[in-house]
Amino acid sequence: MGSDERTNAGGDTGDTGTELSCRELVELVTAYREGALAPKERALFEAHMASCPPCVHYVEQLDLTVRALGGVNAQIERESFTQELLKLFRAWKAETGRPASN
């Protein structure tokens, strides 16, 4: 394999300008999910996903994890104890001159 070739999970190689490796896909997942990829990168990402079951599985697992953590986060934020801690933390930040945040 030459220095400008990549291997996907299926063992195929190709020029990095025409297909993504699994590693490159993993690096682009967040940008893809946020809709921040350029049209060419998005097309390469989707083409790789269409032919690489391990990457499809990886992205599905990532989506499940994000959804699960999002639900936990929303529940935690509603807890009165959490709200009290946030109130105390904001008061401490104000007293120490640190910038306030949400």
N, C-alpha and C. Protein backbone atom coordinates (compact mmCIF):
# COMPACT_ATOMS: atom_id res chain seq x y z
N MET A 1 0.85 -1.17 0.00
CA MET A 1 0.00 0.00 0.00
C MET A 1 0.89 1.22 0.00
N GLY A 2 0.68 2.16 -0.94
CA GLY A 2 1.47 3.37 -1.03
C GLY A 2 1.11 4.35 0.06
N SER A 3 1.93 5.39 0.19
CA SER A 3 1.71 6.35 1.27
C SER A 3 0.43 7.15 1.09
N ASP A 4 -0.10 7.25 -0.16
CA ASP A 4 -1.33 8.01 -0.33
C ASP A 4 -2.54 7.10 -0.49
N GLU A 5 -2.43 5.84 -0.15
CA GLU A 5 -3.55 4.92 -0.18
C GLU A 5 -4.07 4.70 1.23
N ARG A 6 -5.35 4.39 1.34
CA ARG A 6 -5.96 4.10 2.63
C ARG A 6 -6.68 2.77 2.52
N THR A 7 -6.88 2.11 3.65
CA THR A 7 -7.61 0.86 3.68
C THR A 7 -8.85 1.04 4.53
N ASN A 8 -10.02 0.64 3.99
CA ASN A 8 -11.23 0.68 4.80
C ASN A 8 -11.41 -0.67 5.46
N ALA A 9 -12.46 -0.81 6.25
CA ALA A 9 -12.65 -2.04 7.02
C ALA A 9 -12.79 -3.25 6.13
N GLY A 10 -13.26 -3.06 4.91
CA GLY A 10 -13.41 -4.18 3.99
C GLY A 10 -12.12 -4.56 3.30
N GLY A 11 -11.04 -3.83 3.56
CA GLY A 11 -9.75 -4.15 2.97
C GLY A 11 -9.50 -3.45 1.65
N ASP A 12 -10.45 -2.64 1.16
CA ASP A 12 -10.27 -1.93 -0.10
C ASP A 12 -9.32 -0.77 0.10
N THR A 13 -8.54 -0.47 -0.92
CA THR A 13 -7.66 0.69 -0.85
C THR A 13 -8.09 1.68 -1.90
N GLY A 14 -7.69 2.91 -1.69
CA GLY A 14 -8.03 3.93 -2.67
C GLY A 14 -7.32 5.22 -2.38
N ASP A 15 -7.35 6.12 -3.31
CA ASP A 15 -6.77 7.44 -3.17
C ASP A 15 -7.60 8.22 -2.16
N THR A 16 -6.95 8.95 -1.27
CA THR A 16 -7.68 9.68 -0.23
C THR A 16 -8.58 10.75 -0.82
N GLY A 17 -8.39 11.14 -2.07
CA GLY A 17 -9.25 12.12 -2.69
C GLY A 17 -10.58 11.54 -3.16
N THR A 18 -10.66 10.22 -3.27
CA THR A 18 -11.88 9.62 -3.79
C THR A 18 -12.60 8.71 -2.80
N GLU A 19 -11.99 8.38 -1.71
CA GLU A 19 -12.67 7.61 -0.67
C GLU A 19 -12.01 7.84 0.68
N LEU A 20 -12.79 7.63 1.72
CA LEU A 20 -12.29 7.81 3.08
C LEU A 20 -11.86 6.48 3.67
N SER A 21 -10.87 6.52 4.53
CA SER A 21 -10.54 5.35 5.34
C SER A 21 -11.47 5.35 6.55
N CYS A 22 -11.52 4.25 7.25
CA CYS A 22 -12.33 4.19 8.47
C CYS A 22 -11.84 5.22 9.49
N ARG A 23 -10.54 5.36 9.60
CA ARG A 23 -9.97 6.34 10.54
C ARG A 23 -10.42 7.76 10.18
N GLU A 24 -10.39 8.08 8.90
CA GLU A 24 -10.83 9.41 8.47
C GLU A 24 -12.31 9.61 8.77
N LEU A 25 -13.12 8.58 8.55
CA LEU A 25 -14.54 8.68 8.85
C LEU A 25 -14.76 8.98 10.33
N VAL A 26 -14.06 8.26 11.19
CA VAL A 26 -14.20 8.47 12.64
C VAL A 26 -13.86 9.92 12.99
N GLU A 27 -12.84 10.47 12.36
CA GLU A 27 -12.45 11.85 12.63
C GLU A 27 -13.51 12.86 12.17
N LEU A 28 -14.36 12.46 11.21
CA LEU A 28 -15.35 13.38 10.65
C LEU A 28 -16.76 13.19 11.21
N VAL A 29 -16.96 12.20 12.06
CA VAL A 29 -18.31 11.88 12.54
C VAL A 29 -19.00 13.08 13.17
N THR A 30 -18.33 13.78 14.05
CA THR A 30 -18.96 14.91 14.73
C THR A 30 -19.37 15.99 13.73
N ALA A 31 -18.48 16.34 12.84
CA ALA A 31 -18.81 17.36 11.83
C ALA A 31 -19.97 16.89 10.95
N TYR A 32 -20.01 15.60 10.62
CA TYR A 32 -21.10 15.06 9.83
C TYR A 32 -22.43 15.19 10.58
N ARG A 33 -22.44 14.79 11.84
CA ARG A 33 -23.66 14.84 12.64
C ARG A 33 -24.15 16.28 12.82
N GLU A 34 -23.23 17.24 12.82
CA GLU A 34 -23.59 18.65 12.99
C GLU A 34 -23.87 19.34 11.67
N GLY A 35 -23.75 18.62 10.56
CA GLY A 35 -24.00 19.21 9.24
C GLY A 35 -22.93 20.19 8.81
N ALA A 36 -21.72 20.00 9.31
CA ALA A 36 -20.64 20.95 9.06
C ALA A 36 -19.65 20.51 7.99
N LEU A 37 -19.91 19.39 7.32
CA LEU A 37 -18.99 18.94 6.27
C LEU A 37 -19.28 19.66 4.96
N ALA A 38 -18.22 19.90 4.20
CA ALA A 38 -18.37 20.42 2.85
C ALA A 38 -19.08 19.34 2.02
N PRO A 39 -19.76 19.73 0.96
CA PRO A 39 -20.50 18.75 0.15
C PRO A 39 -19.65 17.55 -0.31
N LYS A 40 -18.40 17.79 -0.73
CA LYS A 40 -17.55 16.68 -1.18
C LYS A 40 -17.23 15.73 -0.02
N GLU A 41 -16.89 16.28 1.15
CA GLU A 41 -16.60 15.43 2.31
C GLU A 41 -17.83 14.65 2.73
N ARG A 42 -18.99 15.31 2.69
CA ARG A 42 -20.24 14.63 3.05
C ARG A 42 -20.51 13.46 2.10
N ALA A 43 -20.29 13.68 0.81
CA ALA A 43 -20.49 12.61 -0.17
C ALA A 43 -19.52 11.45 0.07
N LEU A 44 -18.26 11.76 0.38
CA LEU A 44 -17.28 10.72 0.68
C LEU A 44 -17.66 9.96 1.93
N PHE A 45 -18.12 10.68 2.95
CA PHE A 45 -18.55 10.06 4.21
C PHE A 45 -19.70 9.10 3.93
N GLU A 46 -20.71 9.56 3.22
CA GLU A 46 -21.89 8.73 2.94
C GLU A 46 -21.56 7.55 2.05
N ALA A 47 -20.64 7.73 1.10
CA ALA A 47 -20.22 6.61 0.26
C ALA A 47 -19.52 5.54 1.09
N HIS A 48 -18.68 5.97 2.02
CA HIS A 48 -17.99 5.01 2.88
C HIS A 48 -19.00 4.26 3.75
N MET A 49 -19.96 4.99 4.31
CA MET A 49 -20.98 4.37 5.16
C MET A 49 -21.80 3.34 4.37
N ALA A 50 -22.01 3.60 3.08
CA ALA A 50 -22.80 2.69 2.26
C ALA A 50 -22.09 1.36 2.01
N SER A 51 -20.77 1.35 2.21
CA SER A 51 -20.02 0.12 1.89
C SER A 51 -19.22 -0.43 3.07
N CYS A 52 -19.43 0.09 4.28
CA CYS A 52 -18.60 -0.35 5.41
C CYS A 52 -19.46 -0.64 6.64
N PRO A 53 -19.96 -1.86 6.78
CA PRO A 53 -20.80 -2.20 7.95
C PRO A 53 -20.15 -1.88 9.30
N PRO A 54 -18.84 -2.09 9.49
CA PRO A 54 -18.27 -1.73 10.80
C PRO A 54 -18.40 -0.24 11.12
N CYS A 55 -18.26 0.62 10.13
CA CYS A 55 -18.41 2.06 10.38
C CYS A 55 -19.87 2.41 10.65
N VAL A 56 -20.79 1.75 9.95
CA VAL A 56 -22.21 1.95 10.22
C VAL A 56 -22.50 1.60 11.67
N HIS A 57 -21.97 0.47 12.11
CA HIS A 57 -22.16 0.04 13.50
C HIS A 57 -21.56 1.06 14.47
N TYR A 58 -20.37 1.55 14.17
CA TYR A 58 -19.72 2.54 15.03
C TYR A 58 -20.59 3.80 15.17
N VAL A 59 -21.08 4.31 14.06
CA VAL A 59 -21.89 5.54 14.09
C VAL A 59 -23.21 5.29 14.82
N GLU A 60 -23.81 4.11 14.62
CA GLU A 60 -25.04 3.78 15.34
C GLU A 60 -24.79 3.73 16.85
N GLN A 61 -23.68 3.13 17.26
CA GLN A 61 -23.35 3.07 18.69
C GLN A 61 -23.09 4.46 19.25
N LEU A 62 -22.43 5.29 18.48
CA LEU A 62 -22.18 6.67 18.91
C LEU A 62 -23.50 7.41 19.09
N ASP A 63 -24.42 7.26 18.14
CA ASP A 63 -25.73 7.91 18.24
C ASP A 63 -26.49 7.43 19.47
N LEU A 64 -26.45 6.12 19.74
CA LEU A 64 -27.12 5.59 20.92
C LEU A 64 -26.53 6.18 22.20
N THR A 65 -25.22 6.29 22.24
CA THR A 65 -24.55 6.84 23.42
C THR A 65 -24.92 8.30 23.63
N VAL A 66 -24.92 9.08 22.56
CA VAL A 66 -25.27 10.49 22.66
C VAL A 66 -26.71 10.65 23.15
N ARG A 67 -27.62 9.86 22.59
CA ARG A 67 -29.02 9.93 23.03
C ARG A 67 -29.16 9.53 24.50
N ALA A 68 -28.47 8.48 24.90
CA ALA A 68 -28.56 8.02 26.28
C ALA A 68 -28.02 9.08 27.24
N LEU A 69 -26.89 9.65 26.91
CA LEU A 69 -26.31 10.67 27.78
C LEU A 69 -27.13 11.94 27.78
N GLY A 70 -27.73 12.28 26.67
CA GLY A 70 -28.60 13.45 26.62
C GLY A 70 -29.78 13.30 27.55
N GLY A 71 -30.37 12.12 27.62
CA GLY A 71 -31.48 11.88 28.52
C GLY A 71 -31.06 11.96 29.97
N VAL A 72 -29.90 11.44 30.27
CA VAL A 72 -29.39 11.50 31.64
C VAL A 72 -29.12 12.94 32.02
N ASN A 73 -28.50 13.69 31.11
CA ASN A 73 -28.18 15.09 31.38
C ASN A 73 -29.44 15.90 31.66
N ALA A 74 -30.48 15.73 30.86
CA ALA A 74 -31.73 16.46 31.07
C ALA A 74 -32.34 16.12 32.42
N GLN A 75 -32.28 14.85 32.80
CA GLN A 75 -32.83 14.42 34.09
C GLN A 75 -32.04 15.03 35.24
N ILE A 76 -30.73 15.02 35.14
CA ILE A 76 -29.88 15.56 36.19
C ILE A 76 -30.12 17.06 36.36
N GLU A 77 -30.27 17.77 35.24
CA GLU A 77 -30.48 19.22 35.32
C GLU A 77 -31.79 19.57 36.01
N ARG A 78 -32.76 18.69 35.98
CA ARG A 78 -34.05 18.96 36.62
C ARG A 78 -34.02 18.72 38.12
N GLU A 79 -33.07 17.98 38.59
CA GLU A 79 -33.00 17.65 40.00
C GLU A 79 -32.76 18.91 40.83
N SER A 80 -33.50 19.05 41.92
CA SER A 80 -33.36 20.24 42.76
C SER A 80 -31.96 20.35 43.36
N PHE A 81 -31.34 19.23 43.70
CA PHE A 81 -29.99 19.25 44.25
C PHE A 81 -29.02 19.83 43.24
N THR A 82 -29.16 19.42 41.98
CA THR A 82 -28.29 19.94 40.92
C THR A 82 -28.50 21.44 40.76
N GLN A 83 -29.75 21.86 40.79
CA GLN A 83 -30.04 23.29 40.66
C GLN A 83 -29.42 24.08 41.81
N GLU A 84 -29.47 23.53 43.00
CA GLU A 84 -28.88 24.21 44.16
C GLU A 84 -27.36 24.30 44.01
N LEU A 85 -26.73 23.23 43.54
CA LEU A 85 -25.28 23.26 43.32
C LEU A 85 -24.90 24.30 42.28
N LEU A 86 -25.68 24.37 41.21
CA LEU A 86 -25.41 25.36 40.17
C LEU A 86 -25.54 26.78 40.72
N LYS A 87 -26.55 27.00 41.55
CA LYS A 87 -26.75 28.31 42.17
C LYS A 87 -25.55 28.68 43.04
N LEU A 88 -25.08 27.74 43.85
CA LEU A 88 -23.92 27.99 44.71
C LEU A 88 -22.66 28.24 43.88
N PHE A 89 -22.49 27.48 42.82
CA PHE A 89 -21.32 27.63 41.96
C PHE A 89 -21.34 29.01 41.30
N ARG A 90 -22.48 29.43 40.80
CA ARG A 90 -22.58 30.76 40.17
C ARG A 90 -22.30 31.86 41.19
N ALA A 91 -22.79 31.71 42.41
CA ALA A 91 -22.53 32.71 43.44
C ALA A 91 -21.03 32.76 43.75
N TRP A 92 -20.40 31.60 43.84
CA TRP A 92 -18.95 31.54 44.08
C TRP A 92 -18.19 32.23 42.96
N LYS A 93 -18.59 31.97 41.72
CA LYS A 93 -17.92 32.60 40.57
C LYS A 93 -18.07 34.11 40.63
N ALA A 94 -19.26 34.58 41.00
CA ALA A 94 -19.49 36.03 41.09
C ALA A 94 -18.62 36.63 42.18
N GLU A 95 -18.49 35.95 43.30
CA GLU A 95 -17.69 36.46 44.42
C GLU A 95 -16.20 36.51 44.07
N THR A 96 -15.74 35.58 43.27
CA THR A 96 -14.32 35.51 42.94
C THR A 96 -13.98 36.30 41.68
N GLY A 97 -14.98 36.90 41.05
CA GLY A 97 -14.73 37.70 39.85
C GLY A 97 -14.56 36.90 38.59
N ARG A 98 -14.89 35.63 38.63
CA ARG A 98 -14.81 34.82 37.42
C ARG A 98 -16.03 35.10 36.55
N PRO A 99 -15.89 34.98 35.22
CA PRO A 99 -17.04 35.23 34.34
C PRO A 99 -18.16 34.22 34.59
N ALA A 100 -19.37 34.69 34.55
CA ALA A 100 -20.54 33.82 34.77
C ALA A 100 -20.80 33.01 33.51
N SER A 101 -21.33 31.80 33.71
CA SER A 101 -21.75 30.95 32.60
C SER A 101 -23.06 30.30 32.99
N ASN A 102 -23.66 29.61 32.03
CA ASN A 102 -24.97 28.96 32.31
C ASN A 102 -24.82 27.78 33.16
